[in-house]
């Protein structure tokens, strides 16, 4: 979906879509279980599921999949703010992209966070675990601004800001905090924004898995055709109707 195709009027608080409700419910249940296991049962499930850098003693392969669903059990307020941001921006984006497109955007952004965040954090010397859906949320904010740049948003529920400026500001602040090493998760956030932007701008930038499979099938067909040689046999024109000979 390109920005010039999304001439839609958005209203915050107009209600979550079905996919958004299910996602919030899943994240909420997971967070409650985190609190129970960490604070009441004293079972360190978070340490086993958040993403540690490769080579760290606590790193496990499954953390590449589980980390976006985990949030800091020591910060319930931060989790609630994250859910509030999701509530504001998920429904307008999903109504334009559709449920499948929205889920693709959301979790490809999480993948982008891993692909860019891990190597950059290794170079920067950060050796801290990462978790949460913040890269995907930042991607939603940027995409929302691209969809409807002239929409007015009340920043902090008070300051009116156009959506396009909110998108630009999100990218700039994230980039600057990364450069200043103020935010150890800055590279993850930038990775989520980058891949989310590429997904939104069109499949030509980041092919959908189905498109990749179709291209693979087309390549196989062309490869098989390349095994055959067409020989005209130097026949007379009167015999052209017999067609070529395949070997």
C-alpha atoms as a PDB file:
ATOM      1  CA  UNK A   1       0.000   0.000   0.000  1.00  0.00           C
ATOM      2  CA  UNK A   2       1.417   3.355  -1.040  1.00  0.00           C
ATOM      3  CA  UNK A   3       0.775   6.623   0.714  1.00  0.00           C
ATOM      4  CA  UNK A   4      -1.057   8.119  -2.273  1.00  0.00           C
ATOM      5  CA  UNK A   5      -3.589   5.271  -2.085  1.00  0.00           C
ATOM      6  CA  UNK A   6      -4.647   5.937   1.491  1.00  0.00           C
ATOM      7  CA  UNK A   7      -6.855   9.011   1.451  1.00  0.00           C
ATOM      8  CA  UNK A   8      -8.749   8.152   4.599  1.00  0.00           C
ATOM      9  CA  UNK A   9     -10.045  10.157   7.530  1.00  0.00           C
ATOM     10  CA  UNK A  10      -8.949   8.740  10.869  1.00  0.00           C
ATOM     11  CA  UNK A  11     -10.537   9.119  14.273  1.00  0.00           C
ATOM     12  CA  UNK A  12      -8.782   7.926  17.395  1.00  0.00           C
ATOM     13  CA  UNK A  13     -10.864   6.060  19.896  1.00  0.00           C
ATOM     14  CA  UNK A  14     -13.194   4.753  17.180  1.00  0.00           C
ATOM     15  CA  UNK A  15     -12.683   1.205  18.430  1.00  0.00           C
ATOM     16  CA  UNK A  16     -10.231  -1.589  17.869  1.00  0.00           C
ATOM     17  CA  UNK A  17     -10.581  -4.016  15.017  1.00  0.00           C
ATOM     18  CA  UNK A  18     -11.006  -7.711  15.692  1.00  0.00           C
ATOM     19  CA  UNK A  19      -7.320  -8.424  15.103  1.00  0.00           C
ATOM     20  CA  UNK A  20      -6.341  -5.531  17.379  1.00  0.00           C
ATOM     21  CA  UNK A  21      -8.564  -6.791  20.186  1.00  0.00           C
ATOM     22  CA  UNK A  22      -7.110 -10.298  19.931  1.00  0.00           C
ATOM     23  CA  UNK A  23      -3.555  -8.956  19.945  1.00  0.00           C
ATOM     24  CA  UNK A  24      -4.162  -6.769  22.998  1.00  0.00           C
ATOM     25  CA  UNK A  25      -5.799  -9.685  24.794  1.00  0.00           C
ATOM     26  CA  UNK A  26      -2.841 -11.974  24.011  1.00  0.00           C
ATOM     27  CA  UNK A  27      -0.279  -9.396  25.126  1.00  0.00           C
ATOM     28  CA  UNK A  28      -2.292  -8.681  28.278  1.00  0.00           C
ATOM     29  CA  UNK A  29      -2.556 -12.348  29.251  1.00  0.00           C
ATOM     30  CA  UNK A  30       1.160 -12.880  28.624  1.00  0.00           C
ATOM     31  CA  UNK A  31       2.038  -9.869  30.786  1.00  0.00           C
ATOM     32  CA  UNK A  32      -0.160 -11.063  33.662  1.00  0.00           C
ATOM     33  CA  UNK A  33       1.559 -14.451  33.477  1.00  0.00           C
ATOM     34  CA  UNK A  34       4.931 -12.681  33.549  1.00  0.00           C
ATOM     35  CA  UNK A  35       3.956 -10.865  36.739  1.00  0.00           C
ATOM     36  CA  UNK A  36       2.722 -14.052  38.380  1.00  0.00           C
ATOM     37  CA  UNK A  37       5.771 -16.129  37.509  1.00  0.00           C
ATOM     38  CA  UNK A  38       8.357 -13.426  38.235  1.00  0.00           C
ATOM     39  CA  UNK A  39       6.922 -11.830  41.395  1.00  0.00           C
ATOM     40  CA  UNK A  40       4.801 -14.551  42.975  1.00  0.00           C
ATOM     41  CA  UNK A  41       6.188 -17.923  41.866  1.00  0.00           C
ATOM     42  CA  UNK A  42       9.784 -16.660  41.537  1.00  0.00           C
ATOM     43  CA  UNK A  43      10.284 -18.456  38.226  1.00  0.00           C
ATOM     44  CA  UNK A  44      12.588 -16.468  35.871  1.00  0.00           C
ATOM     45  CA  UNK A  45      10.572 -16.979  32.676  1.00  0.00           C
ATOM     46  CA  UNK A  46      11.437 -13.519  31.350  1.00  0.00           C
ATOM     47  CA  UNK A  47      15.158 -14.278  31.353  1.00  0.00           C
ATOM     48  CA  UNK A  48      14.467 -17.364  29.244  1.00  0.00           C
ATOM     49  CA  UNK A  49      12.272 -15.579  26.683  1.00  0.00           C
ATOM     50  CA  UNK A  50      13.708 -12.074  26.156  1.00  0.00           C
ATOM     51  CA  UNK A  51      16.359 -11.659  23.447  1.00  0.00           C
ATOM     52  CA  UNK A  52      19.946 -11.806  24.676  1.00  0.00           C
ATOM     53  CA  UNK A  53      22.842 -11.121  22.279  1.00  0.00           C
ATOM     54  CA  UNK A  54      24.225 -14.252  20.568  1.00  0.00           C
ATOM     55  CA  UNK A  55      27.144 -15.556  22.575  1.00  0.00           C
ATOM     56  CA  UNK A  56      25.584 -14.509  25.866  1.00  0.00           C
ATOM     57  CA  UNK A  57      25.195 -17.393  28.362  1.00  0.00           C
ATOM     58  CA  UNK A  58      21.427 -16.817  28.461  1.00  0.00           C
ATOM     59  CA  UNK A  59      20.918 -16.659  24.694  1.00  0.00           C
ATOM     60  CA  UNK A  60      18.591 -19.246  23.127  1.00  0.00           C
ATOM     61  CA  UNK A  61      17.372 -19.512  19.551  1.00  0.00           C
ATOM     62  CA  UNK A  62      13.696 -19.390  20.521  1.00  0.00           C
ATOM     63  CA  UNK A  63      14.200 -15.894  21.927  1.00  0.00           C
ATOM     64  CA  UNK A  64      14.185 -14.609  18.330  1.00  0.00           C
ATOM     65  CA  UNK A  65      10.467 -15.476  18.267  1.00  0.00           C
ATOM     66  CA  UNK A  66       9.381 -14.939  21.866  1.00  0.00           C
ATOM     67  CA  UNK A  67      10.947 -11.545  22.666  1.00  0.00           C
ATOM     68  CA  UNK A  68       8.310  -9.294  20.964  1.00  0.00           C
ATOM     69  CA  UNK A  69       5.636 -10.704  23.293  1.00  0.00           C
ATOM     70  CA  UNK A  70       7.525  -9.951  26.516  1.00  0.00           C
ATOM     71  CA  UNK A  71       7.560  -6.663  28.446  1.00  0.00           C
ATOM     72  CA  UNK A  72       9.389  -5.492  31.544  1.00  0.00           C
ATOM     73  CA  UNK A  73       7.591  -7.056  34.553  1.00  0.00           C
ATOM     74  CA  UNK A  74       8.988  -4.259  36.701  1.00  0.00           C
ATOM     75  CA  UNK A  75       7.162  -1.560  34.735  1.00  0.00           C
ATOM     76  CA  UNK A  76       3.397  -2.128  34.566  1.00  0.00           C
ATOM     77  CA  UNK A  77       2.867   1.561  33.760  1.00  0.00           C
ATOM     78  CA  UNK A  78       5.171   1.281  30.762  1.00  0.00           C
ATOM     79  CA  UNK A  79       3.208  -1.718  29.528  1.00  0.00           C
ATOM     80  CA  UNK A  80      -0.096   0.153  29.872  1.00  0.00           C
ATOM     81  CA  UNK A  81       1.304   3.122  27.913  1.00  0.00           C
ATOM     82  CA  UNK A  82       2.454   0.715  25.205  1.00  0.00           C
ATOM     83  CA  UNK A  83      -1.060  -0.741  24.997  1.00  0.00           C
ATOM     84  CA  UNK A  84      -2.526   2.780  24.822  1.00  0.00           C
ATOM     85  CA  UNK A  85      -0.286   3.683  21.872  1.00  0.00           C
ATOM     86  CA  UNK A  86      -1.283   0.425  20.179  1.00  0.00           C
ATOM     87  CA  UNK A  87      -4.951   1.298  20.716  1.00  0.00           C
ATOM     88  CA  UNK A  88      -4.540   4.715  19.101  1.00  0.00           C
ATOM     89  CA  UNK A  89      -2.606   3.683  15.992  1.00  0.00           C
ATOM     90  CA  UNK A  90      -3.418   0.039  15.211  1.00  0.00           C
ATOM     91  CA  UNK A  91      -7.029   0.425  14.080  1.00  0.00           C
ATOM     92  CA  UNK A  92      -6.480   3.207  11.486  1.00  0.00           C
ATOM     93  CA  UNK A  93      -3.521   1.373   9.967  1.00  0.00           C
ATOM     94  CA  UNK A  94      -5.311  -1.968   9.883  1.00  0.00           C
ATOM     95  CA  UNK A  95      -8.381  -0.475   8.194  1.00  0.00           C
ATOM     96  CA  UNK A  96      -6.187   0.558   5.274  1.00  0.00           C
ATOM     97  CA  UNK A  97      -3.880  -2.460   5.055  1.00  0.00           C
ATOM     98  CA  UNK A  98      -6.367  -5.129   6.101  1.00  0.00           C
ATOM     99  CA  UNK A  99      -5.832  -7.650   8.890  1.00  0.00           C
ATOM    100  CA  UNK A 100      -3.214  -9.696   7.010  1.00  0.00           C
ATOM    101  CA  UNK A 101      -1.351  -6.626   5.829  1.00  0.00           C
ATOM    102  CA  UNK A 102      -1.399  -5.168   9.318  1.00  0.00           C
ATOM    103  CA  UNK A 103      -0.026  -8.345  10.922  1.00  0.00           C
ATOM    104  CA  UNK A 104       2.619  -8.575   8.195  1.00  0.00           C
ATOM    105  CA  UNK A 105       3.684  -4.979   8.852  1.00  0.00           C
ATOM    106  CA  UNK A 106       3.676  -5.433  12.629  1.00  0.00           C
ATOM    107  CA  UNK A 107       5.785  -8.564  12.814  1.00  0.00           C
ATOM    108  CA  UNK A 108       8.110  -7.782   9.922  1.00  0.00           C
ATOM    109  CA  UNK A 109       8.944  -4.641  11.894  1.00  0.00           C
ATOM    110  CA  UNK A 110       9.830  -6.906  14.817  1.00  0.00           C
ATOM    111  CA  UNK A 111      12.020  -8.927  12.465  1.00  0.00           C
ATOM    112  CA  UNK A 112      13.725  -5.753  11.258  1.00  0.00           C
ATOM    113  CA  UNK A 113      14.491  -4.868  14.858  1.00  0.00           C
ATOM    114  CA  UNK A 114      16.391  -8.132  15.255  1.00  0.00           C
ATOM    115  CA  UNK A 115      18.222  -7.964  11.925  1.00  0.00           C
ATOM    116  CA  UNK A 116      19.540  -4.467  12.569  1.00  0.00           C
ATOM    117  CA  UNK A 117      19.546  -4.293  16.350  1.00  0.00           C
ATOM    118  CA  UNK A 118      21.711  -7.315  17.102  1.00  0.00           C
ATOM    119  CA  UNK A 119      24.708  -6.423  14.887  1.00  0.00           C
ATOM    120  CA  UNK A 120      24.628  -2.721  15.768  1.00  0.00           C
ATOM    121  CA  UNK A 121      24.397  -3.423  19.491  1.00  0.00           C
ATOM    122  CA  UNK A 122      27.370  -5.772  19.164  1.00  0.00           C
ATOM    123  CA  UNK A 123      29.369  -2.986  17.507  1.00  0.00           C
ATOM    124  CA  UNK A 124      28.265  -0.453  20.110  1.00  0.00           C
ATOM    125  CA  UNK A 125      29.189  -2.756  22.957  1.00  0.00           C
ATOM    126  CA  UNK A 126      25.682  -3.036  24.387  1.00  0.00           C
ATOM    127  CA  UNK A 127      25.222  -6.367  26.094  1.00  0.00           C
ATOM    128  CA  UNK A 128      21.671  -5.964  27.346  1.00  0.00           C
ATOM    129  CA  UNK A 129      18.589  -8.086  26.561  1.00  0.00           C
ATOM    130  CA  UNK A 130      15.774  -6.727  24.417  1.00  0.00           C
ATOM    131  CA  UNK A 131      12.037  -7.353  24.445  1.00  0.00           C
ATOM    132  CA  UNK A 132       8.716  -5.726  23.682  1.00  0.00           C
ATOM    133  CA  UNK A 133       6.740  -4.476  20.704  1.00  0.00           C
ATOM    134  CA  UNK A 134       8.138  -0.932  20.662  1.00  0.00           C
ATOM    135  CA  UNK A 135       9.823  -1.311  17.210  1.00  0.00           C
ATOM    136  CA  UNK A 136       6.472  -2.355  15.766  1.00  0.00           C
ATOM    137  CA  UNK A 137       4.656   0.493  17.526  1.00  0.00           C
ATOM    138  CA  UNK A 138       7.122   3.079  16.208  1.00  0.00           C
ATOM    139  CA  UNK A 139       6.642   1.583  12.757  1.00  0.00           C
ATOM    140  CA  UNK A 140       2.858   2.012  13.121  1.00  0.00           C
ATOM    141  CA  UNK A 141       3.286   5.681  14.077  1.00  0.00           C
ATOM    142  CA  UNK A 142       5.492   6.364  11.057  1.00  0.00           C
ATOM    143  CA  UNK A 143       3.178   4.508   8.677  1.00  0.00           C
ATOM    144  CA  UNK A 144       0.140   6.328  10.082  1.00  0.00           C
ATOM    145  CA  UNK A 145       1.812   9.657   9.325  1.00  0.00           C
ATOM    146  CA  UNK A 146       2.551   8.526   5.770  1.00  0.00           C
ATOM    147  CA  UNK A 147      -1.045   7.422   5.253  1.00  0.00           C
ATOM    148  CA  UNK A 148      -2.653  10.650   6.369  1.00  0.00           C
ATOM    149  CA  UNK A 149       0.054  13.325   6.737  1.00  0.00           C
ATOM    150  CA  UNK A 150      -2.352  16.223   7.306  1.00  0.00           C
ATOM    151  CA  UNK A 151      -4.261  14.549  10.132  1.00  0.00           C
ATOM    152  CA  UNK A 152      -4.046  16.423  13.441  1.00  0.00           C
ATOM    153  CA  UNK A 153      -3.028  14.529  16.568  1.00  0.00           C
ATOM    154  CA  UNK A 154      -3.163  15.863  20.111  1.00  0.00           C
ATOM    155  CA  UNK A 155       0.307  15.107  21.415  1.00  0.00           C
ATOM    156  CA  UNK A 156       0.111  14.331  25.140  1.00  0.00           C
ATOM    157  CA  UNK A 157      -3.648  14.969  24.629  1.00  0.00           C
ATOM    158  CA  UNK A 158      -2.920  18.713  24.537  1.00  0.00           C
ATOM    159  CA  UNK A 159      -0.548  19.841  21.745  1.00  0.00           C
ATOM    160  CA  UNK A 160      -1.974  19.636  18.188  1.00  0.00           C
ATOM    161  CA  UNK A 161       0.589  18.127  15.789  1.00  0.00           C
ATOM    162  CA  UNK A 162       0.174  17.019  12.184  1.00  0.00           C
ATOM    163  CA  UNK A 163       0.715  13.313  11.673  1.00  0.00           C
ATOM    164  CA  UNK A 164       3.560  13.822   9.196  1.00  0.00           C
ATOM    165  CA  UNK A 165       5.544  15.810  11.772  1.00  0.00           C
ATOM    166  CA  UNK A 166       4.922  13.110  14.357  1.00  0.00           C
ATOM    167  CA  UNK A 167       6.362  10.558  11.923  1.00  0.00           C
ATOM    168  CA  UNK A 168       9.424  12.686  11.152  1.00  0.00           C
ATOM    169  CA  UNK A 169       9.937  13.422  14.831  1.00  0.00           C
ATOM    170  CA  UNK A 170       9.716   9.748  15.743  1.00  0.00           C
ATOM    171  CA  UNK A 171      12.460   8.875  13.279  1.00  0.00           C
ATOM    172  CA  UNK A 172      14.685  11.821  14.233  1.00  0.00           C
ATOM    173  CA  UNK A 173      14.429  11.290  17.993  1.00  0.00           C
ATOM    174  CA  UNK A 174      15.038   7.560  17.651  1.00  0.00           C
ATOM    175  CA  UNK A 175      18.069   8.154  15.440  1.00  0.00           C
ATOM    176  CA  UNK A 176      19.579  10.823  17.702  1.00  0.00           C
ATOM    177  CA  UNK A 177      19.143   8.770  20.878  1.00  0.00           C
ATOM    178  CA  UNK A 178      20.822   5.884  19.068  1.00  0.00           C
ATOM    179  CA  UNK A 179      23.786   8.020  18.010  1.00  0.00           C
ATOM    180  CA  UNK A 180      24.134   9.450  21.503  1.00  0.00           C
ATOM    181  CA  UNK A 181      23.999   5.931  22.989  1.00  0.00           C
ATOM    182  CA  UNK A 182      21.309   7.189  25.329  1.00  0.00           C
ATOM    183  CA  UNK A 183      18.973   4.371  24.369  1.00  0.00           C
ATOM    184  CA  UNK A 184      20.599   0.917  24.196  1.00  0.00           C
ATOM    185  CA  UNK A 185      17.576  -0.278  22.226  1.00  0.00           C
ATOM    186  CA  UNK A 186      17.791   2.479  19.623  1.00  0.00           C
ATOM    187  CA  UNK A 187      19.145   0.183  16.900  1.00  0.00           C
ATOM    188  CA  UNK A 188      16.240  -2.215  17.418  1.00  0.00           C
ATOM    189  CA  UNK A 189      13.774   0.646  17.136  1.00  0.00           C
ATOM    190  CA  UNK A 190      15.406   1.965  13.955  1.00  0.00           C
ATOM    191  CA  UNK A 191      15.346  -1.512  12.431  1.00  0.00           C
ATOM    192  CA  UNK A 192      11.634  -1.832  13.100  1.00  0.00           C
ATOM    193  CA  UNK A 193      10.917   1.564  11.558  1.00  0.00           C
ATOM    194  CA  UNK A 194      13.025   0.818   8.481  1.00  0.00           C
ATOM    195  CA  UNK A 195      11.434  -2.506   7.594  1.00  0.00           C
ATOM    196  CA  UNK A 196       7.973  -1.191   8.420  1.00  0.00           C
ATOM    197  CA  UNK A 197       8.561   1.682   5.989  1.00  0.00           C
ATOM    198  CA  UNK A 198       9.736  -0.700   3.256  1.00  0.00           C
ATOM    199  CA  UNK A 199       6.698  -2.931   3.735  1.00  0.00           C
ATOM    200  CA  UNK A 200       4.343   0.036   3.542  1.00  0.00           C
ATOM    201  CA  UNK A 201       5.940   1.471   0.418  1.00  0.00           C
ATOM    202  CA  UNK A 202       5.216  -1.652  -1.542  1.00  0.00           C
ATOM    203  CA  UNK A 203       6.116  -5.269  -2.256  1.00  0.00           C
ATOM    204  CA  UNK A 204       8.789  -4.115  -4.696  1.00  0.00           C
ATOM    205  CA  UNK A 205      10.916  -3.071  -1.741  1.00  0.00           C
ATOM    206  CA  UNK A 206      10.290  -6.097   0.462  1.00  0.00           C
ATOM    207  CA  UNK A 207       8.649  -9.029  -1.358  1.00  0.00           C
ATOM    208  CA  UNK A 208       5.839 -10.887   0.319  1.00  0.00           C
ATOM    209  CA  UNK A 209       6.614 -14.594   0.905  1.00  0.00           C
ATOM    210  CA  UNK A 210       3.962 -15.564  -1.654  1.00  0.00           C
ATOM    211  CA  UNK A 211       5.586 -13.303  -4.228  1.00  0.00           C
ATOM    212  CA  UNK A 212       8.965 -14.880  -3.520  1.00  0.00           C
ATOM    213  CA  UNK A 213       7.458 -18.343  -4.012  1.00  0.00           C
ATOM    214  CA  UNK A 214       5.832 -17.301  -7.310  1.00  0.00           C
ATOM    215  CA  UNK A 215       9.162 -15.966  -8.556  1.00  0.00           C
ATOM    216  CA  UNK A 216      10.812 -19.247  -7.589  1.00  0.00           C
ATOM    217  CA  UNK A 217       8.244 -21.225  -9.603  1.00  0.00           C
ATOM    218  CA  UNK A 218       8.743 -18.921 -12.588  1.00  0.00           C
ATOM    219  CA  UNK A 219      12.515 -19.443 -12.339  1.00  0.00           C
ATOM    220  CA  UNK A 220      12.055 -23.221 -12.346  1.00  0.00           C
ATOM    221  CA  UNK A 221       9.817 -23.065 -15.434  1.00  0.00           C
ATOM    222  CA  UNK A 222      12.340 -20.932 -17.301  1.00  0.00           C
ATOM    223  CA  UNK A 223      15.129 -23.262 -16.262  1.00  0.00           C
ATOM    224  CA  UNK A 224      13.285 -26.286 -17.634  1.00  0.00           C
ATOM    225  CA  UNK A 225      12.525 -24.488 -20.882  1.00  0.00           C
ATOM    226  CA  UNK A 226      16.204 -23.667 -21.240  1.00  0.00           C
ATOM    227  CA  UNK A 227      16.969 -27.371 -21.569  1.00  0.00           C
ATOM    228  CA  UNK A 228      15.189 -27.508 -24.935  1.00  0.00           C
ATOM    229  CA  UNK A 229      16.617 -26.283 -28.248  1.00  0.00           C
ATOM    230  CA  UNK A 230      14.442 -25.225 -31.156  1.00  0.00           C
ATOM    231  CA  UNK A 231      15.737 -26.391 -34.578  1.00  0.00           C
ATOM    232  CA  UNK A 232      14.030 -25.260 -37.760  1.00  0.00           C
ATOM    233  CA  UNK A 233      15.708 -28.054 -39.813  1.00  0.00           C
ATOM    234  CA  UNK A 234      16.248 -25.706 -42.797  1.00  0.00           C
ATOM    235  CA  UNK A 235      12.933 -26.864 -44.193  1.00  0.00           C
ATOM    236  CA  UNK A 236      11.030 -25.242 -47.035  1.00  0.00           C
ATOM    237  CA  UNK A 237       8.434 -22.613 -46.251  1.00  0.00           C
ATOM    238  CA  UNK A 238       5.759 -24.974 -47.479  1.00  0.00           C
ATOM    239  CA  UNK A 239       6.581 -27.273 -44.601  1.00  0.00           C
ATOM    240  CA  UNK A 240       6.645 -24.603 -41.899  1.00  0.00           C
ATOM    241  CA  UNK A 241       3.231 -25.667 -40.785  1.00  0.00           C
ATOM    242  CA  UNK A 242       4.750 -28.849 -39.379  1.00  0.00           C
ATOM    243  CA  UNK A 243       6.263 -26.729 -36.587  1.00  0.00           C
ATOM    244  CA  UNK A 244       9.717 -26.805 -35.022  1.00  0.00           C
ATOM    245  CA  UNK A 245      11.480 -29.870 -33.725  1.00  0.00           C
ATOM    246  CA  UNK A 246      12.285 -30.022 -29.969  1.00  0.00           C
ATOM    247  CA  UNK A 247      15.295 -31.868 -28.580  1.00  0.00           C
END
